[in-house]
Amino acid sequence: MLACGYASDNVVDTCVASRINHLLEKPAKAYTLQLGIRAIVEKYLKFAKRLMKNSEFSDIVADL
């Protein structure tokens, strides 16, 4: 990692593969969209699993 806060491609790839997103500096622009989409998808999958497992919760959501 450089002193300016930019991570090398190897460091970024390792962090992304290990799901250690909090170590990446904000200037890692090439991976910002990827990390954002991954976070949204993970939240959606958790929400979908909850809908599938909990019929009361899915009824509440359906009424919205």
N, C-alpha and C. Protein backbone atom coordinates (compact mmCIF):
# COMPACT_ATOMS: atom_id res chain seq x y z
N MET A 1 0.86 -1.17 0.00
CA MET A 1 0.00 0.00 0.00
C MET A 1 0.90 1.23 0.00
N LEU A 2 0.52 2.21 -0.77
CA LEU A 2 1.29 3.44 -0.86
C LEU A 2 0.93 4.39 0.27
N ALA A 3 1.82 5.31 0.56
CA ALA A 3 1.59 6.27 1.64
C ALA A 3 0.46 7.24 1.33
N CYS A 4 0.12 7.41 0.05
CA CYS A 4 -0.93 8.36 -0.33
C CYS A 4 -2.33 7.83 -0.04
N GLY A 5 -2.45 6.57 0.33
CA GLY A 5 -3.76 6.01 0.62
C GLY A 5 -4.30 5.13 -0.48
N TYR A 6 -3.63 5.08 -1.62
CA TYR A 6 -4.07 4.22 -2.71
C TYR A 6 -3.51 2.82 -2.51
N ALA A 7 -4.37 1.84 -2.62
CA ALA A 7 -3.94 0.45 -2.47
C ALA A 7 -3.52 -0.10 -3.82
N SER A 8 -2.53 -0.98 -3.81
CA SER A 8 -2.13 -1.64 -5.04
C SER A 8 -3.24 -2.61 -5.45
N ASP A 9 -3.22 -3.04 -6.70
CA ASP A 9 -4.25 -3.97 -7.17
C ASP A 9 -4.24 -5.27 -6.37
N ASN A 10 -3.06 -5.75 -6.00
CA ASN A 10 -2.97 -6.98 -5.20
C ASN A 10 -3.64 -6.81 -3.85
N VAL A 11 -3.40 -5.68 -3.19
CA VAL A 11 -3.99 -5.44 -1.88
C VAL A 11 -5.50 -5.33 -2.00
N VAL A 12 -5.97 -4.59 -3.00
CA VAL A 12 -7.42 -4.42 -3.18
C VAL A 12 -8.06 -5.76 -3.50
N ASP A 13 -7.47 -6.54 -4.40
CA ASP A 13 -8.03 -7.85 -4.75
C ASP A 13 -8.11 -8.76 -3.54
N THR A 14 -7.07 -8.74 -2.71
CA THR A 14 -7.05 -9.57 -1.50
C THR A 14 -8.13 -9.13 -0.53
N CYS A 15 -8.27 -7.82 -0.35
CA CYS A 15 -9.30 -7.30 0.56
C CYS A 15 -10.69 -7.65 0.06
N VAL A 16 -10.94 -7.47 -1.24
CA VAL A 16 -12.26 -7.76 -1.80
C VAL A 16 -12.56 -9.25 -1.68
N ALA A 17 -11.59 -10.10 -1.99
CA ALA A 17 -11.80 -11.55 -1.91
C ALA A 17 -12.05 -11.99 -0.47
N SER A 18 -11.45 -11.29 0.48
CA SER A 18 -11.60 -11.65 1.90
C SER A 18 -12.75 -10.92 2.57
N ARG A 19 -13.46 -10.08 1.80
CA ARG A 19 -14.57 -9.28 2.31
C ARG A 19 -14.11 -8.35 3.43
N ILE A 20 -12.92 -7.82 3.30
CA ILE A 20 -12.39 -6.87 4.28
C ILE A 20 -12.45 -5.49 3.63
N ASN A 21 -13.65 -4.98 3.47
CA ASN A 21 -13.85 -3.72 2.75
C ASN A 21 -13.46 -2.50 3.57
N HIS A 22 -13.46 -2.61 4.90
CA HIS A 22 -13.18 -1.45 5.73
C HIS A 22 -11.71 -1.04 5.69
N LEU A 23 -10.83 -1.90 5.17
CA LEU A 23 -9.41 -1.54 5.08
C LEU A 23 -9.10 -0.73 3.82
N LEU A 24 -10.02 -0.73 2.87
CA LEU A 24 -9.77 -0.01 1.63
C LEU A 24 -10.00 1.48 1.83
N GLU A 25 -9.12 2.25 1.28
CA GLU A 25 -9.27 3.71 1.35
C GLU A 25 -10.30 4.16 0.34
N LYS A 26 -10.90 5.30 0.56
CA LYS A 26 -11.91 5.81 -0.34
C LYS A 26 -11.39 6.08 -1.76
N PRO A 27 -10.12 6.39 -1.96
CA PRO A 27 -9.67 6.62 -3.34
C PRO A 27 -9.66 5.39 -4.24
N ALA A 28 -9.99 4.24 -3.75
CA ALA A 28 -10.00 3.03 -4.58
C ALA A 28 -11.24 3.07 -5.47
N LYS A 29 -11.29 4.03 -6.38
CA LYS A 29 -12.47 4.29 -7.21
C LYS A 29 -12.86 3.13 -8.10
N ALA A 30 -11.89 2.39 -8.57
CA ALA A 30 -12.22 1.29 -9.48
C ALA A 30 -13.08 0.23 -8.81
N TYR A 31 -13.03 0.14 -7.50
CA TYR A 31 -13.76 -0.90 -6.78
C TYR A 31 -14.96 -0.36 -6.02
N THR A 32 -15.16 0.93 -6.03
CA THR A 32 -16.27 1.53 -5.28
C THR A 32 -17.61 1.00 -5.74
N LEU A 33 -17.84 0.99 -7.03
CA LEU A 33 -19.12 0.50 -7.56
C LEU A 33 -19.31 -0.97 -7.24
N GLN A 34 -18.26 -1.76 -7.40
CA GLN A 34 -18.34 -3.20 -7.10
C GLN A 34 -18.71 -3.43 -5.65
N LEU A 35 -18.09 -2.71 -4.73
CA LEU A 35 -18.37 -2.88 -3.31
C LEU A 35 -19.78 -2.42 -2.97
N GLY A 36 -20.22 -1.33 -3.59
CA GLY A 36 -21.57 -0.83 -3.35
C GLY A 36 -22.63 -1.82 -3.82
N ILE A 37 -22.43 -2.36 -5.01
CA ILE A 37 -23.38 -3.34 -5.55
C ILE A 37 -23.39 -4.60 -4.69
N ARG A 38 -22.20 -5.03 -4.27
CA ARG A 38 -22.13 -6.23 -3.43
C ARG A 38 -22.89 -6.01 -2.13
N ALA A 39 -22.76 -4.83 -1.52
CA ALA A 39 -23.47 -4.55 -0.27
C ALA A 39 -24.98 -4.57 -0.47
N ILE A 40 -25.44 -3.98 -1.57
CA ILE A 40 -26.88 -3.96 -1.86
C ILE A 40 -27.40 -5.37 -2.08
N VAL A 41 -26.68 -6.17 -2.84
CA VAL A 41 -27.11 -7.54 -3.13
C VAL A 41 -27.15 -8.38 -1.85
N GLU A 42 -26.14 -8.21 -0.99
CA GLU A 42 -26.13 -8.97 0.26
C GLU A 42 -27.33 -8.61 1.13
N LYS A 43 -27.67 -7.32 1.20
CA LYS A 43 -28.84 -6.91 1.99
C LYS A 43 -30.11 -7.47 1.38
N TYR A 44 -30.21 -7.45 0.03
CA TYR A 44 -31.39 -8.00 -0.63
C TYR A 44 -31.52 -9.49 -0.36
N LEU A 45 -30.42 -10.22 -0.43
CA LEU A 45 -30.48 -11.66 -0.20
C LEU A 45 -30.91 -11.97 1.22
N LYS A 46 -30.41 -11.22 2.20
CA LYS A 46 -30.84 -11.42 3.58
C LYS A 46 -32.34 -11.15 3.72
N PHE A 47 -32.80 -10.08 3.07
CA PHE A 47 -34.21 -9.71 3.12
C PHE A 47 -35.06 -10.79 2.45
N ALA A 48 -34.61 -11.29 1.30
CA ALA A 48 -35.36 -12.33 0.58
C ALA A 48 -35.44 -13.62 1.40
N LYS A 49 -34.34 -13.99 2.05
CA LYS A 49 -34.35 -15.19 2.90
C LYS A 49 -35.33 -15.02 4.06
N ARG A 50 -35.35 -13.81 4.61
CA ARG A 50 -36.28 -13.56 5.72
C ARG A 50 -37.72 -13.66 5.24
N LEU A 51 -37.99 -13.15 4.04
CA LEU A 51 -39.34 -13.25 3.48
C LEU A 51 -39.75 -14.71 3.28
N MET A 52 -38.80 -15.51 2.82
CA MET A 52 -39.11 -16.92 2.54
C MET A 52 -39.33 -17.73 3.82
N LYS A 53 -38.62 -17.39 4.87
CA LYS A 53 -38.70 -18.17 6.11
C LYS A 53 -39.82 -17.72 7.05
N ASN A 54 -40.22 -16.46 6.98
CA ASN A 54 -41.15 -15.92 7.95
C ASN A 54 -42.42 -15.45 7.23
N SER A 55 -43.46 -16.24 7.30
CA SER A 55 -44.70 -15.92 6.59
C SER A 55 -45.39 -14.68 7.17
N GLU A 56 -45.28 -14.47 8.48
CA GLU A 56 -45.88 -13.27 9.08
C GLU A 56 -45.20 -12.01 8.55
N PHE A 57 -43.89 -12.06 8.47
CA PHE A 57 -43.14 -10.91 7.95
C PHE A 57 -43.48 -10.67 6.48
N SER A 58 -43.59 -11.74 5.71
CA SER A 58 -43.91 -11.57 4.28
C SER A 58 -45.32 -11.00 4.10
N ASP A 59 -46.25 -11.35 4.99
CA ASP A 59 -47.60 -10.77 4.94
C ASP A 59 -47.56 -9.27 5.24
N ILE A 60 -46.76 -8.89 6.20
CA ILE A 60 -46.62 -7.46 6.55
C ILE A 60 -46.04 -6.70 5.38
N VAL A 61 -45.01 -7.25 4.76
CA VAL A 61 -44.38 -6.60 3.61
C VAL A 61 -45.35 -6.51 2.45
N ALA A 62 -46.13 -7.55 2.22
CA ALA A 62 -47.10 -7.55 1.12
C ALA A 62 -48.16 -6.48 1.31
N ASP A 63 -48.50 -6.19 2.57
CA ASP A 63 -49.52 -5.16 2.85
C ASP A 63 -48.98 -3.76 2.63
N LEU A 64 -47.67 -3.61 2.58
CA LEU A 64 -47.09 -2.28 2.34
C LEU A 64 -47.32 -1.91 0.91
